[in-house]
Each structure stands twice: as structure tokens, then as C-alpha cells.
Amino acid sequence: MSWIFILSLIFGTITPQTRTGLHKVEVLSSKLIIHGKTNVNKFDCELVQLMDTETLRVTSEVTDFKLDFDGLVLKFGISQFDCGHEIMNKDFRSILKSEKHPFLFLKINEIYIKEETSLMEKLDVSSFVTISLAGVEQTKMIEKATVINHDDQLVTFKGSRVLQMTDFKIEPPTKFLGLVSVENELEVSFEIRMKTVPIK
């Protein structure tokens, strides 16, 4: 059972019962951008992955306007982020403690479809996600996210969330005798394109 079929049940005339399905999920591409600020400028550190070699086994359960997932975990190598300058890349890896914790994990737990959404191709949603960064896990609500159904197998999920570095036990660094300081607030935005195939 594809996600688009699950979602069509939600918006159909018949109230859906609880349904559970097992899927193979192949991540075709993913983009993750971490936006930050210092007291003198802004910076963006971007990671684009065109293909994930790992195929995930994901269990999904739908009840009313809510989808629950088990196993939908994405992995991003900290060393692969590009901040536009090698010195900034090195500082970024150091800030996020990449030697000890080389990956950022993004786990999609639940997606809530907003009842006023009318287009099946582009759905306004909110989502609970768990972010693991520098060895610390935090579960956050993404209030404004989007699910794009390209066809009955291809799905794009995108959204953003503002985080505090100190929530992950990361102290915002300072440089040049304290003249340049990184602000505590980071914005993480993501766009993930996935192919989902039901396992019978």
C-alpha cells in the first residue's frame, strides 16, 4: 500500500480504520542545510546526497489524519557538509564534535495532515522528528512542512526547524579573542525525495 493510497483514504468519503503497512524506502536524494549567524555575518552549511546506498524497511500506520513511522531514519555525514570555505568546514566539524559523533541522524516519527488541505499532490503537514546531533537526541515538532506526491511511489518531504545549539550540549563558539561569536540559534532545513514500495 503506497503512501498516496493511504493519504487518499484519509481524504475519502469513508472514515479510514487503522491500517498498517511495511515498505521498502529508498532515499533517492536528500538536501540538508544548517543556517547560522555570528555577530558579524550569516553562514550556510549544505549537504546534498544524490543517492543513499541503504534501503530502509519502514512500518507505517495510519489513523485519521496521522501517519506513524517506525524505521524511517536518515543519516548525514558531518564531514560532507560544505560551508563554502575549508576553514569554515573545519570549524563546523569541530563545533559539531564530528570526530566523536560523525553523523547527524534525522528520524521521522509522525506526520499530521492538516484537515484543511485540499490538494493530494501537495499536502501541508506537521511532523514530529527526532534529531541526533553531537551524541544528543532531541524530538521536535515541525509546524510547517510539505509532502509532495509525485506519483504512487515517489514522495518528497521537506520542512525546517529552528534549534538551539545548547539543547545538544554544544556551546556556541567564539573566535579572535571573543570578537566573533556564533549565535546559539540554528535553523535546519531539509528536502528528502524517497521511493516507497510496499512489501507484501
N, C-alpha and C. Protein backbone atom coordinates (compact mmCIF):
# COMPACT_ATOMS: atom_id res chain seq x y z
N MET A 1 0.85 -1.19 0.00
CA MET A 1 0.00 0.00 0.00
C MET A 1 0.88 1.24 0.00
N SER A 2 0.79 2.09 -1.02
CA SER A 2 1.65 3.26 -1.12
C SER A 2 1.13 4.37 -0.22
N TRP A 3 1.99 5.33 0.06
CA TRP A 3 1.60 6.46 0.91
C TRP A 3 0.47 7.26 0.28
N ILE A 4 0.53 7.43 -1.06
CA ILE A 4 -0.52 8.22 -1.69
C ILE A 4 -1.88 7.54 -1.54
N PHE A 5 -1.90 6.19 -1.52
CA PHE A 5 -3.16 5.49 -1.30
C PHE A 5 -3.62 5.67 0.14
N ILE A 6 -2.66 5.60 1.07
CA ILE A 6 -3.00 5.85 2.47
C ILE A 6 -3.60 7.23 2.64
N LEU A 7 -2.98 8.22 2.01
CA LEU A 7 -3.47 9.58 2.14
C LEU A 7 -4.82 9.77 1.44
N SER A 8 -5.03 9.05 0.35
CA SER A 8 -6.33 9.16 -0.31
C SER A 8 -7.44 8.59 0.56
N LEU A 9 -7.13 7.59 1.37
CA LEU A 9 -8.11 7.08 2.32
C LEU A 9 -8.51 8.15 3.33
N ILE A 10 -7.51 8.91 3.76
CA ILE A 10 -7.77 9.95 4.75
C ILE A 10 -8.74 10.98 4.21
N PHE A 11 -8.59 11.34 2.92
CA PHE A 11 -9.41 12.40 2.36
C PHE A 11 -10.63 11.87 1.61
N GLY A 12 -10.84 10.57 1.66
CA GLY A 12 -12.00 10.00 1.01
C GLY A 12 -13.27 10.22 1.81
N THR A 13 -14.37 9.73 1.31
CA THR A 13 -15.65 9.91 1.97
C THR A 13 -15.86 8.91 3.09
N ILE A 14 -15.06 7.84 3.09
CA ILE A 14 -15.19 6.83 4.13
C ILE A 14 -14.13 7.07 5.19
N THR A 15 -14.51 7.10 6.45
CA THR A 15 -13.55 7.28 7.53
C THR A 15 -12.62 6.08 7.59
N PRO A 16 -11.31 6.29 7.49
CA PRO A 16 -10.39 5.15 7.47
C PRO A 16 -10.26 4.51 8.84
N GLN A 17 -10.08 3.20 8.82
CA GLN A 17 -9.74 2.50 10.04
C GLN A 17 -8.21 2.47 10.15
N THR A 18 -7.72 1.99 11.26
CA THR A 18 -6.28 1.89 11.42
C THR A 18 -5.72 0.90 10.42
N ARG A 19 -4.70 1.32 9.67
CA ARG A 19 -4.09 0.48 8.67
C ARG A 19 -2.57 0.49 8.87
N THR A 20 -1.97 -0.67 8.73
CA THR A 20 -0.54 -0.79 8.91
C THR A 20 0.07 -1.40 7.66
N GLY A 21 1.23 -0.87 7.24
CA GLY A 21 1.90 -1.40 6.06
C GLY A 21 3.39 -1.42 6.24
N LEU A 22 4.07 -2.33 5.53
CA LEU A 22 5.52 -2.42 5.55
C LEU A 22 6.03 -2.02 4.17
N HIS A 23 7.02 -1.11 4.15
CA HIS A 23 7.53 -0.59 2.90
C HIS A 23 9.04 -0.71 2.82
N LYS A 24 9.54 -0.83 1.60
CA LYS A 24 10.94 -0.55 1.31
C LYS A 24 11.02 0.92 0.92
N VAL A 25 11.87 1.67 1.59
CA VAL A 25 12.03 3.08 1.28
C VAL A 25 13.45 3.32 0.80
N GLU A 26 13.59 3.79 -0.43
CA GLU A 26 14.89 4.13 -1.00
C GLU A 26 14.99 5.65 -1.08
N VAL A 27 16.01 6.21 -0.44
CA VAL A 27 16.21 7.65 -0.47
C VAL A 27 16.95 7.99 -1.76
N LEU A 28 16.25 8.66 -2.68
CA LEU A 28 16.84 8.98 -3.98
C LEU A 28 17.75 10.19 -3.89
N SER A 29 17.37 11.17 -3.10
CA SER A 29 18.20 12.35 -2.90
C SER A 29 17.78 13.02 -1.60
N SER A 30 18.72 13.73 -1.01
CA SER A 30 18.40 14.47 0.20
C SER A 30 19.27 15.72 0.26
N LYS A 31 18.69 16.77 0.78
CA LYS A 31 19.42 18.02 0.97
C LYS A 31 19.16 18.53 2.37
N LEU A 32 20.22 18.82 3.09
CA LEU A 32 20.11 19.31 4.45
C LEU A 32 20.97 20.57 4.54
N ILE A 33 20.39 21.66 5.01
CA ILE A 33 21.11 22.92 5.15
C ILE A 33 21.00 23.39 6.59
N ILE A 34 22.13 23.74 7.18
CA ILE A 34 22.15 24.32 8.51
C ILE A 34 22.50 25.79 8.37
N HIS A 35 21.56 26.66 8.75
CA HIS A 35 21.74 28.10 8.65
C HIS A 35 22.12 28.64 10.03
N GLY A 36 23.15 29.44 10.08
CA GLY A 36 23.58 30.01 11.35
C GLY A 36 23.97 31.47 11.20
N LYS A 37 24.25 32.12 12.33
CA LYS A 37 24.64 33.52 12.34
C LYS A 37 25.76 33.72 13.35
N THR A 38 26.60 34.69 13.05
CA THR A 38 27.52 35.21 14.04
C THR A 38 27.13 36.66 14.30
N ASN A 39 27.86 37.33 15.14
CA ASN A 39 27.56 38.74 15.40
C ASN A 39 28.00 39.64 14.25
N VAL A 40 28.65 39.05 13.22
CA VAL A 40 29.08 39.87 12.08
C VAL A 40 28.52 39.40 10.73
N ASN A 41 28.10 38.15 10.62
CA ASN A 41 27.59 37.68 9.33
C ASN A 41 26.73 36.43 9.51
N LYS A 42 26.27 35.89 8.38
CA LYS A 42 25.49 34.66 8.35
C LYS A 42 26.30 33.58 7.63
N PHE A 43 25.93 32.32 7.87
CA PHE A 43 26.59 31.24 7.15
C PHE A 43 25.59 30.11 6.90
N ASP A 44 25.80 29.38 5.81
CA ASP A 44 25.00 28.21 5.45
C ASP A 44 25.95 27.04 5.21
N CYS A 45 25.66 25.92 5.81
CA CYS A 45 26.42 24.69 5.59
C CYS A 45 25.46 23.67 4.98
N GLU A 46 25.80 23.20 3.79
CA GLU A 46 24.87 22.40 2.98
C GLU A 46 25.42 21.02 2.70
N LEU A 47 24.54 20.05 2.72
CA LEU A 47 24.88 18.67 2.34
C LEU A 47 23.84 18.18 1.35
N VAL A 48 24.30 17.79 0.16
CA VAL A 48 23.42 17.23 -0.86
C VAL A 48 23.88 15.80 -1.13
N GLN A 49 22.97 14.85 -0.96
CA GLN A 49 23.25 13.44 -1.25
C GLN A 49 22.34 13.00 -2.38
N LEU A 50 22.93 12.54 -3.47
CA LEU A 50 22.14 12.15 -4.63
C LEU A 50 21.57 10.75 -4.50
N MET A 51 22.20 9.93 -3.65
CA MET A 51 21.73 8.55 -3.55
C MET A 51 22.14 7.98 -2.20
N ASP A 52 21.24 7.30 -1.56
CA ASP A 52 21.56 6.62 -0.31
C ASP A 52 21.67 5.13 -0.63
N THR A 53 22.79 4.54 -0.27
CA THR A 53 23.00 3.13 -0.62
C THR A 53 22.15 2.20 0.23
N GLU A 54 21.59 2.71 1.32
CA GLU A 54 20.83 1.86 2.24
C GLU A 54 19.34 1.93 1.92
N THR A 55 18.72 0.78 1.79
CA THR A 55 17.27 0.72 1.64
C THR A 55 16.67 0.43 3.01
N LEU A 56 15.72 1.27 3.41
CA LEU A 56 15.13 1.16 4.74
C LEU A 56 13.88 0.30 4.71
N ARG A 57 13.65 -0.42 5.78
CA ARG A 57 12.39 -1.13 5.97
C ARG A 57 11.57 -0.32 6.97
N VAL A 58 10.46 0.22 6.49
CA VAL A 58 9.68 1.16 7.27
C VAL A 58 8.27 0.63 7.47
N THR A 59 7.84 0.61 8.71
CA THR A 59 6.45 0.27 9.02
C THR A 59 5.66 1.56 9.18
N SER A 60 4.53 1.65 8.52
CA SER A 60 3.68 2.84 8.64
C SER A 60 2.30 2.44 9.13
N GLU A 61 1.73 3.31 9.93
CA GLU A 61 0.37 3.09 10.44
C GLU A 61 -0.41 4.38 10.31
N VAL A 62 -1.60 4.30 9.74
CA VAL A 62 -2.41 5.50 9.54
C VAL A 62 -3.67 5.41 10.38
N THR A 63 -3.98 6.49 11.09
CA THR A 63 -5.23 6.62 11.83
C THR A 63 -5.72 8.04 11.64
N ASP A 64 -6.88 8.20 11.09
CA ASP A 64 -7.46 9.52 10.82
C ASP A 64 -6.47 10.37 10.02
N PHE A 65 -6.03 11.50 10.59
CA PHE A 65 -5.15 12.41 9.88
C PHE A 65 -3.69 12.28 10.33
N LYS A 66 -3.31 11.11 10.80
CA LYS A 66 -1.97 10.93 11.36
C LYS A 66 -1.32 9.68 10.78
N LEU A 67 -0.03 9.81 10.41
CA LEU A 67 0.77 8.69 9.96
C LEU A 67 1.91 8.48 10.95
N ASP A 68 2.07 7.25 11.44
CA ASP A 68 3.18 6.88 12.33
C ASP A 68 4.17 6.04 11.54
N PHE A 69 5.47 6.28 11.79
CA PHE A 69 6.52 5.53 11.09
C PHE A 69 7.46 4.89 12.10
N ASP A 70 7.95 3.73 11.74
CA ASP A 70 8.98 3.05 12.52
C ASP A 70 10.07 2.62 11.54
N GLY A 71 11.28 3.14 11.72
CA GLY A 71 12.38 2.77 10.85
C GLY A 71 12.76 3.81 9.82
N LEU A 72 12.07 4.96 9.80
CA LEU A 72 12.37 5.99 8.81
C LEU A 72 13.44 6.93 9.39
N VAL A 73 14.70 6.47 9.33
CA VAL A 73 15.83 7.18 9.92
C VAL A 73 16.84 7.51 8.81
N LEU A 74 17.21 8.77 8.70
CA LEU A 74 18.14 9.23 7.68
C LEU A 74 19.46 9.62 8.33
N LYS A 75 20.56 9.35 7.65
CA LYS A 75 21.90 9.57 8.20
C LYS A 75 22.67 10.54 7.32
N PHE A 76 23.28 11.55 7.93
CA PHE A 76 24.03 12.57 7.21
C PHE A 76 25.44 12.68 7.81
N GLY A 77 26.47 12.53 6.99
CA GLY A 77 27.84 12.64 7.46
C GLY A 77 28.23 14.09 7.70
N ILE A 78 28.65 14.43 8.91
CA ILE A 78 29.02 15.80 9.23
C ILE A 78 30.16 16.29 8.34
N SER A 79 31.11 15.40 8.02
CA SER A 79 32.27 15.79 7.21
C SER A 79 31.89 16.14 5.78
N GLN A 80 30.68 15.79 5.35
CA GLN A 80 30.25 16.05 3.98
C GLN A 80 29.56 17.40 3.81
N PHE A 81 29.32 18.11 4.92
CA PHE A 81 28.72 19.44 4.81
C PHE A 81 29.72 20.43 4.21
N ASP A 82 29.22 21.30 3.35
CA ASP A 82 30.05 22.32 2.72
C ASP A 82 29.56 23.70 3.17
N CYS A 83 30.43 24.42 3.87
CA CYS A 83 30.08 25.76 4.34
C CYS A 83 30.65 26.85 3.42
N GLY A 84 31.23 26.46 2.30
CA GLY A 84 31.72 27.43 1.33
C GLY A 84 33.18 27.80 1.48
N HIS A 85 33.84 27.32 2.52
CA HIS A 85 35.25 27.64 2.75
C HIS A 85 35.84 26.55 3.62
N GLU A 86 37.04 26.09 3.30
CA GLU A 86 37.62 24.96 4.01
C GLU A 86 37.83 25.23 5.49
N ILE A 87 38.21 26.47 5.83
CA ILE A 87 38.39 26.80 7.25
C ILE A 87 37.05 26.72 7.98
N MET A 88 35.99 27.22 7.33
CA MET A 88 34.66 27.15 7.93
C MET A 88 34.21 25.70 8.05
N ASN A 89 34.54 24.88 7.03
CA ASN A 89 34.19 23.45 7.10
C ASN A 89 34.86 22.79 8.30
N LYS A 90 36.11 23.11 8.52
CA LYS A 90 36.85 22.54 9.64
C LYS A 90 36.26 23.00 10.97
N ASP A 91 35.93 24.30 11.07
CA ASP A 91 35.31 24.82 12.29
C ASP A 91 33.95 24.17 12.53
N PHE A 92 33.18 23.99 11.46
CA PHE A 92 31.85 23.39 11.56
C PHE A 92 31.94 21.97 12.11
N ARG A 93 32.89 21.20 11.58
CA ARG A 93 33.06 19.83 12.07
C ARG A 93 33.49 19.81 13.53
N SER A 94 34.33 20.77 13.89
CA SER A 94 34.78 20.84 15.29
C SER A 94 33.64 21.21 16.22
N ILE A 95 32.83 22.18 15.82
CA ILE A 95 31.69 22.62 16.65
C ILE A 95 30.73 21.46 16.91
N LEU A 96 30.48 20.65 15.87
CA LEU A 96 29.52 19.55 15.98
C LEU A 96 30.16 18.25 16.45
N LYS A 97 31.41 18.31 16.89
CA LYS A 97 32.10 17.18 17.51
C LYS A 97 32.12 15.96 16.59
N SER A 98 32.49 16.20 15.31
CA SER A 98 32.36 15.14 14.31
C SER A 98 33.34 14.00 14.51
N GLU A 99 34.46 14.24 15.16
CA GLU A 99 35.41 13.13 15.39
C GLU A 99 34.79 12.06 16.27
N LYS A 100 34.03 12.48 17.26
CA LYS A 100 33.38 11.53 18.17
C LYS A 100 32.00 11.13 17.69
N HIS A 101 31.31 12.06 17.01
CA HIS A 101 29.94 11.80 16.54
C HIS A 101 29.86 12.22 15.07
N PRO A 102 30.27 11.33 14.14
CA PRO A 102 30.44 11.71 12.74
C PRO A 102 29.14 11.87 11.94
N PHE A 103 27.99 11.54 12.53
CA PHE A 103 26.74 11.60 11.76
C PHE A 103 25.67 12.42 12.48
N LEU A 104 24.86 13.08 11.68
CA LEU A 104 23.60 13.66 12.14
C LEU A 104 22.49 12.72 11.68
N PHE A 105 21.62 12.33 12.60
CA PHE A 105 20.51 11.44 12.27
C PHE A 105 19.20 12.22 12.34
N LEU A 106 18.34 11.98 11.35
CA LEU A 106 17.01 12.58 11.31
C LEU A 106 15.99 11.44 11.22
N LYS A 107 15.22 11.27 12.27
CA LYS A 107 14.21 10.22 12.31
C LYS A 107 12.83 10.84 12.20
N ILE A 108 12.07 10.41 11.21
CA ILE A 108 10.70 10.92 11.02
C ILE A 108 9.76 9.98 11.77
N ASN A 109 9.12 10.50 12.81
CA ASN A 109 8.28 9.68 13.67
C ASN A 109 6.81 9.71 13.25
N GLU A 110 6.28 10.90 13.08
CA GLU A 110 4.85 11.05 12.81
C GLU A 110 4.64 12.21 11.85
N ILE A 111 3.64 12.09 11.00
CA ILE A 111 3.22 13.17 10.12
C ILE A 111 1.72 13.39 10.33
N TYR A 112 1.36 14.65 10.54
CA TYR A 112 -0.04 15.02 10.72
C TYR A 112 -0.48 15.82 9.51
N ILE A 113 -1.52 15.34 8.84
CA ILE A 113 -2.05 16.04 7.67
C ILE A 113 -3.09 17.05 8.15
N LYS A 114 -2.92 18.29 7.72
CA LYS A 114 -3.85 19.33 8.13
C LYS A 114 -5.19 19.14 7.43
N GLU A 115 -6.26 19.22 8.20
CA GLU A 115 -7.58 18.87 7.68
C GLU A 115 -8.04 19.79 6.56
N GLU A 116 -7.54 21.04 6.55
CA GLU A 116 -7.98 21.97 5.51
C GLU A 116 -7.26 21.76 4.19
N THR A 117 -6.27 20.84 4.16
CA THR A 117 -5.55 20.56 2.92
C THR A 117 -6.50 19.95 1.89
N SER A 118 -6.46 20.49 0.66
CA SER A 118 -7.38 20.01 -0.37
C SER A 118 -6.66 19.35 -1.55
N LEU A 119 -5.38 19.63 -1.75
CA LEU A 119 -4.65 19.07 -2.88
C LEU A 119 -3.91 17.81 -2.46
N MET A 120 -4.17 16.70 -3.14
CA MET A 120 -3.47 15.45 -2.83
C MET A 120 -2.01 15.51 -3.27
N GLU A 121 -1.71 16.27 -4.35
CA GLU A 121 -0.35 16.30 -4.86
C GLU A 121 0.60 17.03 -3.92
N LYS A 122 0.10 18.03 -3.19
CA LYS A 122 0.94 18.81 -2.29
C LYS A 122 0.18 19.01 -0.98
N LEU A 123 0.67 18.37 0.07
CA LEU A 123 -0.04 18.36 1.35
C LEU A 123 0.70 19.20 2.38
N ASP A 124 -0.04 20.08 3.04
CA ASP A 124 0.50 20.82 4.17
C ASP A 124 0.42 19.94 5.41
N VAL A 125 1.56 19.72 6.05
CA VAL A 125 1.62 18.79 7.18
C VAL A 125 2.44 19.39 8.30
N SER A 126 2.35 18.78 9.47
CA SER A 126 3.30 18.99 10.55
C SER A 126 3.87 17.63 10.92
N SER A 127 5.00 17.63 11.62
CA SER A 127 5.68 16.36 11.83
C SER A 127 6.50 16.38 13.10
N PHE A 128 6.48 15.25 13.82
CA PHE A 128 7.41 15.03 14.92
C PHE A 128 8.64 14.33 14.36
N VAL A 129 9.82 14.91 14.58
CA VAL A 129 11.06 14.29 14.16
C VAL A 129 12.02 14.22 15.34
N THR A 130 12.91 13.26 15.31
CA THR A 130 13.97 13.16 16.31
C THR A 130 15.30 13.44 15.62
N ILE A 131 16.01 14.40 16.15
CA ILE A 131 17.32 14.80 15.61
C ILE A 131 18.40 14.37 16.59
N SER A 132 19.38 13.65 16.08
CA SER A 132 20.53 13.24 16.89
C SER A 132 21.75 13.98 16.37
N LEU A 133 22.31 14.83 17.23
CA LEU A 133 23.43 15.68 16.84
C LEU A 133 24.43 15.73 17.98
N ALA A 134 25.70 15.52 17.67
CA ALA A 134 26.76 15.55 18.68
C ALA A 134 26.48 14.60 19.83
N GLY A 135 25.80 13.48 19.51
CA GLY A 135 25.52 12.46 20.51
C GLY A 135 24.33 12.73 21.38
N VAL A 136 23.55 13.77 21.08
CA VAL A 136 22.38 14.12 21.88
C VAL A 136 21.13 14.05 21.00
N GLU A 137 20.07 13.42 21.51
CA GLU A 137 18.81 13.31 20.78
C GLU A 137 17.80 14.32 21.30
N GLN A 138 17.10 14.96 20.37
CA GLN A 138 16.01 15.86 20.71
C GLN A 138 14.85 15.59 19.76
N THR A 139 13.64 15.45 20.30
CA THR A 139 12.45 15.29 19.47
C THR A 139 11.73 16.63 19.38
N LYS A 140 11.47 17.07 18.16
CA LYS A 140 10.91 18.39 17.91
C LYS A 140 9.70 18.28 16.98
N MET A 141 8.80 19.24 17.12
CA MET A 141 7.68 19.36 16.20
C MET A 141 8.04 20.35 15.10
N ILE A 142 7.86 19.92 13.85
CA ILE A 142 7.99 20.83 12.71
C ILE A 142 6.59 21.27 12.33
N GLU A 143 6.29 22.54 12.59
CA GLU A 143 4.92 23.03 12.42
C GLU A 143 4.51 23.14 10.95
N LYS A 144 5.45 23.58 10.11
CA LYS A 144 5.12 23.81 8.71
C LYS A 144 6.03 22.95 7.84
N ALA A 145 5.48 21.90 7.30
CA ALA A 145 6.22 21.01 6.40
C ALA A 145 5.32 20.67 5.22
N THR A 146 5.91 20.02 4.22
CA THR A 146 5.17 19.71 2.99
C THR A 146 5.50 18.30 2.54
N VAL A 147 4.47 17.58 2.12
CA VAL A 147 4.64 16.29 1.45
C VAL A 147 4.16 16.46 0.02
N ILE A 148 5.04 16.16 -0.95
CA ILE A 148 4.69 16.23 -2.37
C ILE A 148 4.61 14.82 -2.91
N ASN A 149 3.47 14.44 -3.43
CA ASN A 149 3.27 13.12 -4.04
C ASN A 149 3.49 13.25 -5.55
N HIS A 150 4.61 12.77 -6.04
CA HIS A 150 4.89 12.85 -7.48
C HIS A 150 4.13 11.79 -8.25
N ASP A 151 4.04 10.59 -7.67
CA ASP A 151 3.20 9.52 -8.21
C ASP A 151 2.95 8.56 -7.06
N ASP A 152 2.52 7.32 -7.37
CA ASP A 152 2.14 6.42 -6.29
C ASP A 152 3.33 5.82 -5.56
N GLN A 153 4.58 6.15 -5.99
CA GLN A 153 5.77 5.66 -5.31
C GLN A 153 6.74 6.76 -4.89
N LEU A 154 6.79 7.87 -5.63
CA LEU A 154 7.76 8.92 -5.37
C LEU A 154 7.16 10.01 -4.49
N VAL A 155 7.87 10.31 -3.40
CA VAL A 155 7.41 11.28 -2.41
C VAL A 155 8.56 12.20 -2.04
N THR A 156 8.28 13.51 -1.91
CA THR A 156 9.24 14.45 -1.36
C THR A 156 8.69 15.01 -0.06
N PHE A 157 9.53 15.00 0.97
CA PHE A 157 9.15 15.54 2.28
C PHE A 157 10.14 16.66 2.61
N LYS A 158 9.62 17.86 2.89
CA LYS A 158 10.52 18.96 3.20
C LYS A 158 9.95 19.83 4.31
N GLY A 159 10.86 20.47 5.04
CA GLY A 159 10.46 21.32 6.15
C GLY A 159 11.68 21.97 6.78
N SER A 160 11.47 22.70 7.86
CA SER A 160 12.58 23.34 8.56
C SER A 160 12.21 23.51 10.03
N ARG A 161 13.26 23.69 10.85
CA ARG A 161 13.06 23.84 12.29
C ARG A 161 14.23 24.63 12.87
N VAL A 162 13.91 25.58 13.74
CA VAL A 162 14.93 26.33 14.46
C VAL A 162 15.31 25.54 15.71
N LEU A 163 16.62 25.40 15.94
CA LEU A 163 17.15 24.65 17.08
C LEU A 163 18.09 25.53 17.87
N GLN A 164 18.27 25.19 19.13
CA GLN A 164 19.26 25.83 19.97
C GLN A 164 20.46 24.89 20.11
N MET A 165 21.65 25.40 19.87
CA MET A 165 22.85 24.58 19.97
C MET A 165 23.00 23.99 21.37
N THR A 166 22.65 24.78 22.37
CA THR A 166 22.81 24.32 23.75
C THR A 166 21.87 23.16 24.09
N ASP A 167 20.78 22.99 23.32
CA ASP A 167 19.91 21.82 23.52
C ASP A 167 20.66 20.52 23.25
N PHE A 168 21.72 20.62 22.43
CA PHE A 168 22.52 19.45 22.07
C PHE A 168 23.87 19.46 22.80
N LYS A 169 23.92 20.23 23.88
CA LYS A 169 25.13 20.36 24.71
C LYS A 169 26.32 20.86 23.91
N ILE A 170 26.02 21.76 22.96
CA ILE A 170 27.05 22.42 22.17
C ILE A 170 27.14 23.88 22.60
N GLU A 171 28.29 24.30 23.03
CA GLU A 171 28.48 25.69 23.43
C GLU A 171 28.80 26.53 22.19
N PRO A 172 28.02 27.57 21.91
CA PRO A 172 28.33 28.43 20.76
C PRO A 172 29.74 28.99 20.87
N PRO A 173 30.57 28.78 19.85
CA PRO A 173 31.98 29.15 19.96
C PRO A 173 32.23 30.64 19.72
N THR A 174 33.38 31.09 20.15
CA THR A 174 33.86 32.44 19.86
C THR A 174 35.26 32.32 19.27
N LYS A 175 35.63 33.33 18.44
CA LYS A 175 36.95 33.33 17.82
C LYS A 175 37.54 34.74 17.90
N PHE A 176 38.81 34.81 17.62
CA PHE A 176 39.53 36.08 17.58
C PHE A 176 39.34 36.86 18.88
N LEU A 177 39.69 36.19 19.98
CA LEU A 177 39.64 36.79 21.32
C LEU A 177 38.24 37.29 21.69
N GLY A 178 37.25 36.57 21.18
CA GLY A 178 35.88 36.90 21.53
C GLY A 178 35.23 37.95 20.64
N LEU A 179 35.94 38.42 19.61
CA LEU A 179 35.37 39.45 18.74
C LEU A 179 34.27 38.89 17.84
N VAL A 180 34.38 37.61 17.48
CA VAL A 180 33.37 36.96 16.64
C VAL A 180 32.75 35.82 17.45
N SER A 181 31.43 35.86 17.60
CA SER A 181 30.73 34.82 18.36
C SER A 181 29.59 34.27 17.54
N VAL A 182 29.43 32.94 17.59
CA VAL A 182 28.34 32.27 16.88
C VAL A 182 27.10 32.29 17.76
N GLU A 183 25.95 32.66 17.16
CA GLU A 183 24.70 32.70 17.92
C GLU A 183 24.23 31.28 18.24
N ASN A 184 23.49 31.15 19.31
CA ASN A 184 23.03 29.85 19.78
C ASN A 184 22.02 29.22 18.83
N GLU A 185 21.30 30.04 18.08
CA GLU A 185 20.20 29.55 17.25
C GLU A 185 20.67 29.09 15.88
N LEU A 186 20.23 27.90 15.49
CA LEU A 186 20.47 27.36 14.16
C LEU A 186 19.13 26.99 13.53
N GLU A 187 19.03 27.17 12.23
CA GLU A 187 17.85 26.69 11.51
C GLU A 187 18.28 25.53 10.61
N VAL A 188 17.59 24.40 10.75
CA VAL A 188 17.87 23.22 9.93
C VAL A 188 16.72 23.05 8.94
N SER A 189 17.03 23.07 7.65
CA SER A 189 16.02 22.82 6.63
C SER A 189 16.41 21.58 5.84
N PHE A 190 15.41 20.83 5.41
CA PHE A 190 15.69 19.57 4.72
C PHE A 190 14.70 19.36 3.58
N GLU A 191 15.13 18.59 2.59
CA GLU A 191 14.28 18.17 1.48
C GLU A 191 14.71 16.76 1.09
N ILE A 192 13.80 15.81 1.23
CA ILE A 192 14.13 14.39 1.04
C ILE A 192 13.19 13.79 0.00
N ARG A 193 13.78 13.21 -1.02
CA ARG A 193 12.99 12.56 -2.08
C ARG A 193 13.14 11.06 -1.91
N MET A 194 12.01 10.37 -1.78
CA MET A 194 12.02 8.94 -1.47
C MET A 194 11.15 8.16 -2.44
N LYS A 195 11.54 6.91 -2.67
CA LYS A 195 10.73 5.96 -3.42
C LYS A 195 10.24 4.92 -2.43
N THR A 196 8.95 4.73 -2.36
CA THR A 196 8.37 3.77 -1.40
C THR A 196 7.69 2.64 -2.17
N VAL A 197 8.04 1.42 -1.78
CA VAL A 197 7.45 0.24 -2.41
C VAL A 197 6.91 -0.67 -1.33
N PRO A 198 5.61 -1.02 -1.36
CA PRO A 198 5.06 -1.88 -0.33
C PRO A 198 5.66 -3.28 -0.37
N ILE A 199 5.87 -3.86 0.79
CA ILE A 199 6.32 -5.25 0.91
C ILE A 199 5.13 -6.10 1.28
N LYS A 200 4.82 -7.05 0.45
CA LYS A 200 3.66 -7.89 0.71
C LYS A 200 4.00 -9.06 1.59
